[in-house]
Structures are given as C-alpha cells and as structure tokens.
PDB file of N, CA and C in Angstrom:
ATOM      1  N   MET A   1       3.343 -32.192 -55.384  1.00  0.00           N
ATOM      2  CA  MET A   1       3.789 -33.020 -56.490  1.00  0.00           C
ATOM      3  C   MET A   1       4.413 -34.295 -55.921  1.00  0.00           C
ATOM      4  N   PRO A   2       4.044 -35.441 -56.477  1.00  0.00           N
ATOM      5  CA  PRO A   2       4.611 -36.704 -55.995  1.00  0.00           C
ATOM      6  C   PRO A   2       6.137 -36.716 -56.133  1.00  0.00           C
ATOM      7  N   LYS A   3       6.796 -37.362 -55.189  1.00  0.00           N
ATOM      8  CA  LYS A   3       8.256 -37.407 -55.142  1.00  0.00           C
ATOM      9  C   LYS A   3       8.851 -37.989 -56.420  1.00  0.00           C
ATOM     10  N   ARG A   4       8.237 -39.053 -56.942  1.00  0.00           N
ATOM     11  CA  ARG A   4       8.764 -39.684 -58.160  1.00  0.00           C
ATOM     12  C   ARG A   4       8.716 -38.730 -59.350  1.00  0.00           C
ATOM     13  N   VAL A   5       7.642 -37.960 -59.468  1.00  0.00           N
ATOM     14  CA  VAL A   5       7.515 -37.004 -60.577  1.00  0.00           C
ATOM     15  C   VAL A   5       8.585 -35.927 -60.440  1.00  0.00           C
ATOM     16  N   ARG A   6       8.798 -35.411 -59.216  1.00  0.00           N
ATOM     17  CA  ARG A   6       9.817 -34.389 -58.977  1.00  0.00           C
ATOM     18  C   ARG A   6      11.199 -34.934 -59.332  1.00  0.00           C
ATOM     19  N   LYS A   7      11.470 -36.177 -58.943  1.00  0.00           N
ATOM     20  CA  LYS A   7      12.758 -36.796 -59.251  1.00  0.00           C
ATOM     21  C   LYS A   7      12.977 -36.862 -60.762  1.00  0.00           C
ATOM     22  N   LEU A   8      11.980 -37.293 -61.488  1.00  0.00           N
ATOM     23  CA  LEU A   8      12.106 -37.407 -62.938  1.00  0.00           C
ATOM     24  C   LEU A   8      12.298 -36.043 -63.589  1.00  0.00           C
ATOM     25  N   GLN A   9      11.610 -35.024 -63.090  1.00  0.00           N
ATOM     26  CA  GLN A   9      11.741 -33.683 -63.656  1.00  0.00           C
ATOM     27  C   GLN A   9      13.154 -33.142 -63.459  1.00  0.00           C
ATOM     28  N   VAL A  10      13.705 -33.291 -62.276  1.00  0.00           N
ATOM     29  CA  VAL A  10      15.055 -32.794 -62.012  1.00  0.00           C
ATOM     30  C   VAL A  10      16.070 -33.589 -62.835  1.00  0.00           C
ATOM     31  N   ALA A  11      15.974 -34.896 -62.847  1.00  0.00           N
ATOM     32  CA  ALA A  11      16.909 -35.733 -63.607  1.00  0.00           C
ATOM     33  C   ALA A  11      16.836 -35.417 -65.101  1.00  0.00           C
ATOM     34  N   GLU A  12      15.648 -35.137 -65.602  1.00  0.00           N
ATOM     35  CA  GLU A  12      15.464 -34.835 -67.026  1.00  0.00           C
ATOM     36  C   GLU A  12      16.231 -33.580 -67.440  1.00  0.00           C
ATOM     37  N   LEU A  13      16.383 -32.638 -66.525  1.00  0.00           N
ATOM     38  CA  LEU A  13      17.113 -31.404 -66.828  1.00  0.00           C
ATOM     39  C   LEU A  13      18.581 -31.661 -67.166  1.00  0.00           C
ATOM     40  N   TYR A  14      19.105 -32.808 -66.773  1.00  0.00           N
ATOM     41  CA  TYR A  14      20.516 -33.100 -66.981  1.00  0.00           C
ATOM     42  C   TYR A  14      20.781 -33.924 -68.238  1.00  0.00           C
ATOM     43  N   ARG A  15      19.731 -34.379 -68.896  1.00  0.00           N
ATOM     44  CA  ARG A  15      19.922 -35.116 -70.153  1.00  0.00           C
ATOM     45  C   ARG A  15      20.531 -34.186 -71.197  1.00  0.00           C
ATOM     46  N   SER A  16      21.495 -34.657 -71.910  1.00  0.00           N
ATOM     47  CA  SER A  16      22.186 -33.936 -72.973  1.00  0.00           C
ATOM     48  C   SER A  16      23.045 -32.783 -72.474  1.00  0.00           C
ATOM     49  N   ARG A  17      23.178 -32.612 -71.168  1.00  0.00           N
ATOM     50  CA  ARG A  17      24.182 -31.672 -70.668  1.00  0.00           C
ATOM     51  C   ARG A  17      25.517 -32.374 -70.783  1.00  0.00           C
ATOM     52  N   PRO A  18      26.596 -31.632 -70.879  1.00  0.00           N
ATOM     53  CA  PRO A  18      27.900 -32.293 -70.996  1.00  0.00           C
ATOM     54  C   PRO A  18      28.272 -33.048 -69.725  1.00  0.00           C
ATOM     55  N   CYS A  19      28.879 -34.191 -69.906  1.00  0.00           N
ATOM     56  CA  CYS A  19      29.387 -34.982 -68.781  1.00  0.00           C
ATOM     57  C   CYS A  19      30.390 -34.122 -68.020  1.00  0.00           C
ATOM     58  N   VAL A  20      30.281 -34.094 -66.700  1.00  0.00           N
ATOM     59  CA  VAL A  20      31.175 -33.255 -65.894  1.00  0.00           C
ATOM     60  C   VAL A  20      32.625 -33.752 -65.922  1.00  0.00           C
ATOM     61  N   VAL A  21      32.836 -34.961 -66.413  1.00  0.00           N
ATOM     62  CA  VAL A  21      34.197 -35.508 -66.480  1.00  0.00           C
ATOM     63  C   VAL A  21      34.810 -35.282 -67.858  1.00  0.00           C
ATOM     64  N   CYS A  22      34.127 -35.739 -68.908  1.00  0.00           N
ATOM     65  CA  CYS A  22      34.738 -35.733 -70.243  1.00  0.00           C
ATOM     66  C   CYS A  22      34.095 -34.770 -71.232  1.00  0.00           C
ATOM     67  N   GLY A  23      32.944 -34.215 -70.894  1.00  0.00           N
ATOM     68  CA  GLY A  23      32.290 -33.262 -71.787  1.00  0.00           C
ATOM     69  C   GLY A  23      31.388 -33.882 -72.843  1.00  0.00           C
ATOM     70  N   ALA A  24      31.317 -35.218 -72.886  1.00  0.00           N
ATOM     71  CA  ALA A  24      30.443 -35.873 -73.868  1.00  0.00           C
ATOM     72  C   ALA A  24      28.987 -35.456 -73.625  1.00  0.00           C
ATOM     73  N   ARG A  25      28.224 -35.333 -74.699  1.00  0.00           N
ATOM     74  CA  ARG A  25      26.813 -34.946 -74.582  1.00  0.00           C
ATOM     75  C   ARG A  25      25.853 -36.086 -74.934  1.00  0.00           C
ATOM     76  N   GLN A  26      26.356 -37.115 -75.568  1.00  0.00           N
ATOM     77  CA  GLN A  26      25.497 -38.195 -76.025  1.00  0.00           C
ATOM     78  C   GLN A  26      25.127 -39.124 -74.870  1.00  0.00           C
ATOM     79  N   ASN A  27      23.839 -39.328 -74.681  1.00  0.00           N
ATOM     80  CA  ASN A  27      23.296 -40.255 -73.684  1.00  0.00           C
ATOM     81  C   ASN A  27      23.634 -39.900 -72.240  1.00  0.00           C
ATOM     82  N   THR A  28      23.946 -38.628 -71.949  1.00  0.00           N
ATOM     83  CA  THR A  28      24.215 -38.272 -70.557  1.00  0.00           C
ATOM     84  C   THR A  28      22.923 -38.345 -69.756  1.00  0.00           C
ATOM     85  N   CYS A  29      23.080 -38.523 -68.466  1.00  0.00           N
ATOM     86  CA  CYS A  29      21.914 -38.600 -67.590  1.00  0.00           C
ATOM     87  C   CYS A  29      22.197 -37.849 -66.302  1.00  0.00           C
ATOM     88  N   GLY A  30      21.141 -37.530 -65.596  1.00  0.00           N
ATOM     89  CA  GLY A  30      21.279 -36.908 -64.293  1.00  0.00           C
ATOM     90  C   GLY A  30      21.664 -37.967 -63.282  1.00  0.00           C
ATOM     91  N   ASP A  31      22.768 -37.762 -62.610  1.00  0.00           N
ATOM     92  CA  ASP A  31      23.258 -38.705 -61.611  1.00  0.00           C
ATOM     93  C   ASP A  31      23.235 -38.022 -60.259  1.00  0.00           C
ATOM     94  N   HIS A  32      22.814 -38.762 -59.249  1.00  0.00           N
ATOM     95  CA  HIS A  32      22.843 -38.247 -57.884  1.00  0.00           C
ATOM     96  C   HIS A  32      24.282 -38.294 -57.356  1.00  0.00           C
ATOM     97  N   ILE A  33      24.764 -37.187 -56.838  1.00  0.00           N
ATOM     98  CA  ILE A  33      26.097 -37.163 -56.236  1.00  0.00           C
ATOM     99  C   ILE A  33      26.080 -38.075 -55.014  1.00  0.00           C
ATOM    100  N   LYS A  34      25.179 -37.813 -54.087  1.00  0.00           N
ATOM    101  CA  LYS A  34      24.908 -38.771 -53.007  1.00  0.00           C
ATOM    102  C   LYS A  34      23.791 -39.648 -53.546  1.00  0.00           C
ATOM    103  N   THR A  35      24.014 -40.923 -53.639  1.00  0.00           N
ATOM    104  CA  THR A  35      23.066 -41.804 -54.307  1.00  0.00           C
ATOM    105  C   THR A  35      21.667 -41.722 -53.711  1.00  0.00           C
ATOM    106  N   PHE A  36      20.700 -41.946 -54.559  1.00  0.00           N
ATOM    107  CA  PHE A  36      19.303 -41.941 -54.145  1.00  0.00           C
ATOM    108  C   PHE A  36      19.075 -43.015 -53.077  1.00  0.00           C
ATOM    109  N   GLY A  37      19.714 -44.161 -53.255  1.00  0.00           N
ATOM    110  CA  GLY A  37      19.577 -45.259 -52.304  1.00  0.00           C
ATOM    111  C   GLY A  37      20.172 -44.959 -50.931  1.00  0.00           C
ATOM    112  N   SER A  38      21.099 -44.004 -50.880  1.00  0.00           N
ATOM    113  CA  SER A  38      21.700 -43.591 -49.605  1.00  0.00           C
ATOM    114  C   SER A  38      20.999 -42.371 -49.016  1.00  0.00           C
ATOM    115  N   GLY A  39      19.862 -42.023 -49.606  1.00  0.00           N
ATOM    116  CA  GLY A  39      19.108 -40.875 -49.093  1.00  0.00           C
ATOM    117  C   GLY A  39      19.372 -39.583 -49.823  1.00  0.00           C
ATOM    118  N   GLY A  40      20.095 -39.635 -50.923  1.00  0.00           N
ATOM    119  CA  GLY A  40      20.366 -38.432 -51.708  1.00  0.00           C
ATOM    120  C   GLY A  40      19.086 -37.874 -52.309  1.00  0.00           C
ATOM    121  N   GLU A  41      18.930 -36.578 -52.194  1.00  0.00           N
ATOM    122  CA  GLU A  41      17.716 -35.929 -52.678  1.00  0.00           C
ATOM    123  C   GLU A  41      17.799 -35.617 -54.164  1.00  0.00           C
ATOM    124  N   CYS A  42      16.641 -35.393 -54.757  1.00  0.00           N
ATOM    125  CA  CYS A  42      16.553 -34.986 -56.158  1.00  0.00           C
ATOM    126  C   CYS A  42      16.499 -33.462 -56.217  1.00  0.00           C
ATOM    127  N   VAL A  43      17.623 -32.849 -55.877  1.00  0.00           N
ATOM    128  CA  VAL A  43      17.761 -31.400 -55.926  1.00  0.00           C
ATOM    129  C   VAL A  43      19.005 -31.090 -56.750  1.00  0.00           C
ATOM    130  N   HIS A  44      19.036 -29.909 -57.334  1.00  0.00           N
ATOM    131  CA  HIS A  44      20.149 -29.551 -58.211  1.00  0.00           C
ATOM    132  C   HIS A  44      21.507 -29.645 -57.510  1.00  0.00           C
ATOM    133  N   GLU A  45      21.551 -29.364 -56.217  1.00  0.00           N
ATOM    134  CA  GLU A  45      22.818 -29.428 -55.490  1.00  0.00           C
ATOM    135  C   GLU A  45      23.342 -30.857 -55.376  1.00  0.00           C
ATOM    136  N   ASN A  46      22.485 -31.835 -55.639  1.00  0.00           N
ATOM    137  CA  ASN A  46      22.877 -33.235 -55.531  1.00  0.00           C
ATOM    138  C   ASN A  46      22.868 -33.954 -56.879  1.00  0.00           C
ATOM    139  N   MET A  47      22.890 -33.185 -57.962  1.00  0.00           N
ATOM    140  CA  MET A  47      22.829 -33.796 -59.290  1.00  0.00           C
ATOM    141  C   MET A  47      23.961 -33.255 -60.157  1.00  0.00           C
ATOM    142  N   TRP A  48      24.405 -34.107 -61.084  1.00  0.00           N
ATOM    143  CA  TRP A  48      25.320 -33.684 -62.130  1.00  0.00           C
ATOM    144  C   TRP A  48      25.115 -34.599 -63.322  1.00  0.00           C
ATOM    145  N   ALA A  49      25.614 -34.190 -64.466  1.00  0.00           N
ATOM    146  CA  ALA A  49      25.465 -34.985 -65.686  1.00  0.00           C
ATOM    147  C   ALA A  49      26.681 -35.891 -65.856  1.00  0.00           C
ATOM    148  N   LEU A  50      26.413 -37.160 -66.134  1.00  0.00           N
ATOM    149  CA  LEU A  50      27.483 -38.116 -66.425  1.00  0.00           C
ATOM    150  C   LEU A  50      27.123 -38.901 -67.678  1.00  0.00           C
ATOM    151  N   CYS A  51      28.130 -39.174 -68.491  1.00  0.00           N
ATOM    152  CA  CYS A  51      27.938 -40.047 -69.651  1.00  0.00           C
ATOM    153  C   CYS A  51      27.844 -41.483 -69.112  1.00  0.00           C
ATOM    154  N   PRO A  52      27.372 -42.427 -69.931  1.00  0.00           N
ATOM    155  CA  PRO A  52      27.239 -43.807 -69.455  1.00  0.00           C
ATOM    156  C   PRO A  52      28.545 -44.397 -68.895  1.00  0.00           C
ATOM    157  N   ARG A  53      29.670 -44.100 -69.538  1.00  0.00           N
ATOM    158  CA  ARG A  53      30.963 -44.646 -69.071  1.00  0.00           C
ATOM    159  C   ARG A  53      31.293 -44.154 -67.665  1.00  0.00           C
ATOM    160  N   HIS A  54      31.161 -42.850 -67.439  1.00  0.00           N
ATOM    161  CA  HIS A  54      31.533 -42.298 -66.132  1.00  0.00           C
ATOM    162  C   HIS A  54      30.468 -42.581 -65.072  1.00  0.00           C
ATOM    163  N   HIS A  55      29.228 -42.763 -65.498  1.00  0.00           N
ATOM    164  CA  HIS A  55      28.170 -43.151 -64.553  1.00  0.00           C
ATOM    165  C   HIS A  55      28.478 -44.543 -63.995  1.00  0.00           C
ATOM    166  N   LEU A  56      28.835 -45.445 -64.871  1.00  0.00           N
ATOM    167  CA  LEU A  56      29.196 -46.807 -64.446  1.00  0.00           C
ATOM    168  C   LEU A  56      30.454 -46.794 -63.580  1.00  0.00           C
ATOM    169  N   GLU A  57      31.428 -46.006 -63.997  1.00  0.00           N
ATOM    170  CA  GLU A  57      32.681 -45.923 -63.245  1.00  0.00           C
ATOM    171  C   GLU A  57      32.425 -45.404 -61.824  1.00  0.00           C
ATOM    172  N   LYS A  58      31.633 -44.335 -61.685  1.00  0.00           N
ATOM    173  CA  LYS A  58      31.318 -43.807 -60.351  1.00  0.00           C
ATOM    174  C   LYS A  58      30.606 -44.862 -59.519  1.00  0.00           C
ATOM    175  N   GLY A  59      29.672 -45.584 -60.132  1.00  0.00           N
ATOM    176  CA  GLY A  59      28.947 -46.630 -59.413  1.00  0.00           C
ATOM    177  C   GLY A  59      29.853 -47.747 -58.927  1.00  0.00           C
ATOM    178  N   ASN A  60      30.848 -48.072 -59.720  1.00  0.00           N
ATOM    179  CA  ASN A  60      31.769 -49.155 -59.357  1.00  0.00           C
ATOM    180  C   ASN A  60      32.782 -48.753 -58.293  1.00  0.00           C
ATOM    181  N   MET A  61      33.223 -47.496 -58.322  1.00  0.00           N
ATOM    182  CA  MET A  61      34.298 -47.104 -57.398  1.00  0.00           C
ATOM    183  C   MET A  61      33.847 -46.262 -56.222  1.00  0.00           C
ATOM    184  N   GLY A  62      32.655 -45.702 -56.273  1.00  0.00           N
ATOM    185  CA  GLY A  62      32.183 -44.851 -55.188  1.00  0.00           C
ATOM    186  C   GLY A  62      32.631 -43.404 -55.377  1.00  0.00           C
ATOM    187  N   LEU A  63      31.936 -42.501 -54.733  1.00  0.00           N
ATOM    188  CA  LEU A  63      32.167 -41.073 -54.920  1.00  0.00           C
ATOM    189  C   LEU A  63      33.579 -40.639 -54.532  1.00  0.00           C
ATOM    190  N   GLN A  64      34.067 -41.071 -53.371  1.00  0.00           N
ATOM    191  CA  GLN A  64      35.375 -40.596 -52.893  1.00  0.00           C
ATOM    192  C   GLN A  64      36.484 -40.933 -53.899  1.00  0.00           C
ATOM    193  N   THR A  65      36.534 -42.175 -54.335  1.00  0.00           N
ATOM    194  CA  THR A  65      37.568 -42.605 -55.281  1.00  0.00           C
ATOM    195  C   THR A  65      37.367 -41.951 -56.637  1.00  0.00           C
ATOM    196  N   PHE A  66      36.105 -41.810 -57.050  1.00  0.00           N
ATOM    197  CA  PHE A  66      35.788 -41.182 -58.335  1.00  0.00           C
ATOM    198  C   PHE A  66      36.321 -39.753 -58.368  1.00  0.00           C
ATOM    199  N   VAL A  67      36.063 -38.992 -57.328  1.00  0.00           N
ATOM    200  CA  VAL A  67      36.518 -37.597 -57.290  1.00  0.00           C
ATOM    201  C   VAL A  67      38.042 -37.527 -57.214  1.00  0.00           C
ATOM    202  N   ARG A  68      38.672 -38.435 -56.480  1.00  0.00           N
ATOM    203  CA  ARG A  68      40.144 -38.457 -56.445  1.00  0.00           C
ATOM    204  C   ARG A  68      40.723 -38.771 -57.827  1.00  0.00           C
ATOM    205  N   SER A  69      40.008 -39.559 -58.616  1.00  0.00           N
ATOM    206  CA  SER A  69      40.476 -39.917 -59.959  1.00  0.00           C
ATOM    207  C   SER A  69      40.365 -38.757 -60.946  1.00  0.00           C
ATOM    208  N   TYR A  70      39.448 -37.826 -60.670  1.00  0.00           N
ATOM    209  CA  TYR A  70      39.203 -36.681 -61.546  1.00  0.00           C
ATOM    210  C   TYR A  70      39.192 -35.410 -60.691  1.00  0.00           C
ATOM    211  N   PRO A  71      40.381 -34.866 -60.388  1.00  0.00           N
ATOM    212  CA  PRO A  71      40.477 -33.735 -59.466  1.00  0.00           C
ATOM    213  C   PRO A  71      39.649 -32.515 -59.865  1.00  0.00           C
ATOM    214  N   GLN A  72      39.337 -32.340 -61.141  1.00  0.00           N
ATOM    215  CA  GLN A  72      38.527 -31.195 -61.562  1.00  0.00           C
ATOM    216  C   GLN A  72      37.124 -31.254 -60.970  1.00  0.00           C
ATOM    217  N   LEU A  73      36.706 -32.419 -60.502  1.00  0.00           N
ATOM    218  CA  LEU A  73      35.369 -32.549 -59.925  1.00  0.00           C
ATOM    219  C   LEU A  73      35.268 -31.879 -58.564  1.00  0.00           C
ATOM    220  N   GLU A  74      36.391 -31.677 -57.889  1.00  0.00           N
ATOM    221  CA  GLU A  74      36.353 -31.007 -56.590  1.00  0.00           C
ATOM    222  C   GLU A  74      35.737 -29.617 -56.716  1.00  0.00           C
ATOM    223  N   ALA A  75      36.159 -28.857 -57.703  1.00  0.00           N
ATOM    224  CA  ALA A  75      35.619 -27.504 -57.899  1.00  0.00           C
ATOM    225  C   ALA A  75      34.129 -27.569 -58.222  1.00  0.00           C
ATOM    226  N   HIS A  76      33.731 -28.557 -58.992  1.00  0.00           N
ATOM    227  CA  HIS A  76      32.313 -28.701 -59.336  1.00  0.00           C
ATOM    228  C   HIS A  76      31.487 -28.992 -58.080  1.00  0.00           C
ATOM    229  N   LEU A  77      31.968 -29.903 -57.250  1.00  0.00           N
ATOM    230  CA  LEU A  77      31.255 -30.213 -56.012  1.00  0.00           C
ATOM    231  C   LEU A  77      31.178 -28.989 -55.101  1.00  0.00           C
ATOM    232  N   ARG A  78      32.278 -28.284 -54.964  1.00  0.00           N
ATOM    233  CA  ARG A  78      32.287 -27.095 -54.113  1.00  0.00           C
ATOM    234  C   ARG A  78      31.308 -26.044 -54.624  1.00  0.00           C
ATOM    235  N   SER A  79      31.166 -25.922 -55.936  1.00  0.00           N
ATOM    236  CA  SER A  79      30.228 -24.943 -56.501  1.00  0.00           C
ATOM    237  C   SER A  79      28.773 -25.304 -56.190  1.00  0.00           C
ATOM    238  N   LYS A  80      28.525 -26.556 -55.855  1.00  0.00           N
ATOM    239  CA  LYS A  80      27.181 -27.007 -55.507  1.00  0.00           C
ATOM    240  C   LYS A  80      26.977 -27.087 -53.991  1.00  0.00           C
ATOM    241  N   GLY A  81      27.938 -26.573 -53.226  1.00  0.00           N
ATOM    242  CA  GLY A  81      27.787 -26.532 -51.775  1.00  0.00           C
ATOM    243  C   GLY A  81      28.361 -27.718 -51.027  1.00  0.00           C
ATOM    244  N   TRP A  82      29.122 -28.563 -51.693  1.00  0.00           N
ATOM    245  CA  TRP A  82      29.739 -29.720 -51.048  1.00  0.00           C
ATOM    246  C   TRP A  82      31.106 -29.337 -50.514  1.00  0.00           C
ATOM    247  N   GLU A  83      31.509 -29.962 -49.405  1.00  0.00           N
ATOM    248  CA  GLU A  83      32.824 -29.765 -48.810  1.00  0.00           C
ATOM    249  C   GLU A  83      33.406 -31.134 -48.474  1.00  0.00           C
ATOM    250  N   TYR A  84      34.732 -31.221 -48.552  1.00  0.00           N
ATOM    251  CA  TYR A  84      35.366 -32.480 -48.163  1.00  0.00           C
ATOM    252  C   TYR A  84      35.691 -32.412 -46.685  1.00  0.00           C
ATOM    253  N   ASP A  85      35.205 -33.378 -45.929  1.00  0.00           N
ATOM    254  CA  ASP A  85      35.468 -33.466 -44.495  1.00  0.00           C
ATOM    255  C   ASP A  85      36.599 -34.475 -44.286  1.00  0.00           C
ATOM    256  N   GLY A  86      37.779 -33.968 -43.955  1.00  0.00           N
ATOM    257  CA  GLY A  86      38.943 -34.829 -43.766  1.00  0.00           C
ATOM    258  C   GLY A  86      38.806 -35.796 -42.607  1.00  0.00           C
ATOM    259  N   PHE A  87      37.996 -35.442 -41.617  1.00  0.00           N
ATOM    260  CA  PHE A  87      37.822 -36.320 -40.458  1.00  0.00           C
ATOM    261  C   PHE A  87      37.077 -37.595 -40.847  1.00  0.00           C
ATOM    262  N   THR A  88      35.940 -37.433 -41.546  1.00  0.00           N
ATOM    263  CA  THR A  88      35.161 -38.606 -41.973  1.00  0.00           C
ATOM    264  C   THR A  88      35.615 -39.130 -43.323  1.00  0.00           C
ATOM    265  N   GLU A  89      36.462 -38.340 -44.012  1.00  0.00           N
ATOM    266  CA  GLU A  89      36.921 -38.667 -45.359  1.00  0.00           C
ATOM    267  C   GLU A  89      35.753 -38.856 -46.315  1.00  0.00           C
ATOM    268  N   LYS A  90      34.791 -37.928 -46.219  1.00  0.00           N
ATOM    269  CA  LYS A  90      33.617 -37.950 -47.095  1.00  0.00           C
ATOM    270  C   LYS A  90      33.328 -36.542 -47.593  1.00  0.00           C
ATOM    271  N   TRP A  91      32.634 -36.490 -48.719  1.00  0.00           N
ATOM    272  CA  TRP A  91      32.093 -35.228 -49.196  1.00  0.00           C
ATOM    273  C   TRP A  91      30.761 -35.014 -48.491  1.00  0.00           C
ATOM    274  N   ILE A  92      30.571 -33.823 -47.934  1.00  0.00           N
ATOM    275  CA  ILE A  92      29.334 -33.502 -47.229  1.00  0.00           C
ATOM    276  C   ILE A  92      28.751 -32.206 -47.796  1.00  0.00           C
ATOM    277  N   ARG A  93      27.461 -32.050 -47.605  1.00  0.00           N
ATOM    278  CA  ARG A  93      26.771 -30.841 -48.051  1.00  0.00           C
ATOM    279  C   ARG A  93      25.991 -30.290 -46.876  1.00  0.00           C
ATOM    280  N   ILE A  94      26.176 -29.016 -46.598  1.00  0.00           N
ATOM    281  CA  ILE A  94      25.458 -28.371 -45.511  1.00  0.00           C
ATOM    282  C   ILE A  94      24.067 -27.976 -46.022  1.00  0.00           C
ATOM    283  N   THR A  95      23.032 -28.386 -45.301  1.00  0.00           N
ATOM    284  CA  THR A  95      21.656 -28.067 -45.672  1.00  0.00           C
ATOM    285  C   THR A  95      20.979 -27.349 -44.508  1.00  0.00           C
ATOM    286  N   ASP A  96      19.738 -26.951 -44.698  1.00  0.00           N
ATOM    287  CA  ASP A  96      18.962 -26.326 -43.626  1.00  0.00           C
ATOM    288  C   ASP A  96      18.790 -27.268 -42.455  1.00  0.00           C
ATOM    289  N   GLN A  97      18.810 -28.568 -42.705  1.00  0.00           N
ATOM    290  CA  GLN A  97      18.607 -29.563 -41.654  1.00  0.00           C
ATOM    291  C   GLN A  97      19.921 -30.014 -41.012  1.00  0.00           C
ATOM    292  N   GLY A  98      21.044 -29.445 -41.422  1.00  0.00           N
ATOM    293  CA  GLY A  98      22.348 -29.874 -40.916  1.00  0.00           C
ATOM    294  C   GLY A  98      23.210 -30.327 -42.065  1.00  0.00           C
ATOM    295  N   TRP A  99      24.177 -31.183 -41.792  1.00  0.00           N
ATOM    296  CA  TRP A  99      25.039 -31.648 -42.890  1.00  0.00           C
ATOM    297  C   TRP A  99      24.549 -32.986 -43.411  1.00  0.00           C
ATOM    298  N   ASP A 100      24.780 -33.176 -44.698  1.00  0.00           N
ATOM    299  CA  ASP A 100      24.308 -34.344 -45.431  1.00  0.00           C
ATOM    300  C   ASP A 100      25.538 -35.041 -45.987  1.00  0.00           C
ATOM    301  N   ASP A 101      25.785 -36.285 -45.551  1.00  0.00           N
ATOM    302  CA  ASP A 101      26.979 -36.973 -46.083  1.00  0.00           C
ATOM    303  C   ASP A 101      26.621 -38.069 -47.040  1.00  0.00           C
TER     304      ASP A 101
END
C-alpha cells in the first residue's frame, strides 16, 4: 500500500475522536506526536486526536512545551510507548529499530 494512502487511513481513524487535551469532538484530526516533517511515522503510537485550537497551539509551541502545559498528556504519551528522556529533554519512543525522538 502506498505510504500516502496508509497515512490518510491512520489519520482518518482519529477524526471525531475526543481531543486529548479538552475532549472536544468537533473537527478533531489525527495529529502526529513526532511531526511527519521530522520523520514521525503514521502509526497509532505516533498519533493522537487534537481539536483545531490545540493542534495550532502544539504547532506553535512544540511538543515539549505543549506537554508541560497539559500534564495529563504525559500519561497519554506513556500509554503509547513514549518516555521522557531527561538527558536530551525530549520525548522518545522505543521501536524495533532503536529509539525515536
């Protein structure tokens, strides 16, 4: 299956799911935890639902600051296999190929 089709299928699964920050369901979208432009994959471990407001906010402030602003997101990230690395001060995910930051 072409990569673009797979990406759209995974992202589509997150439409109308509640925003992980505020719980809103209207116009939510699948957002990459590690951005697609930074090499983030289109896999469930790297996706969550965000409403337009929080999607824009995450884009403007970056993942580290976004998660610090909403501490409840730490548990959500950990449930998807992410860990906070205090040395690099980044959220990382352990994969079959090693760690993904």
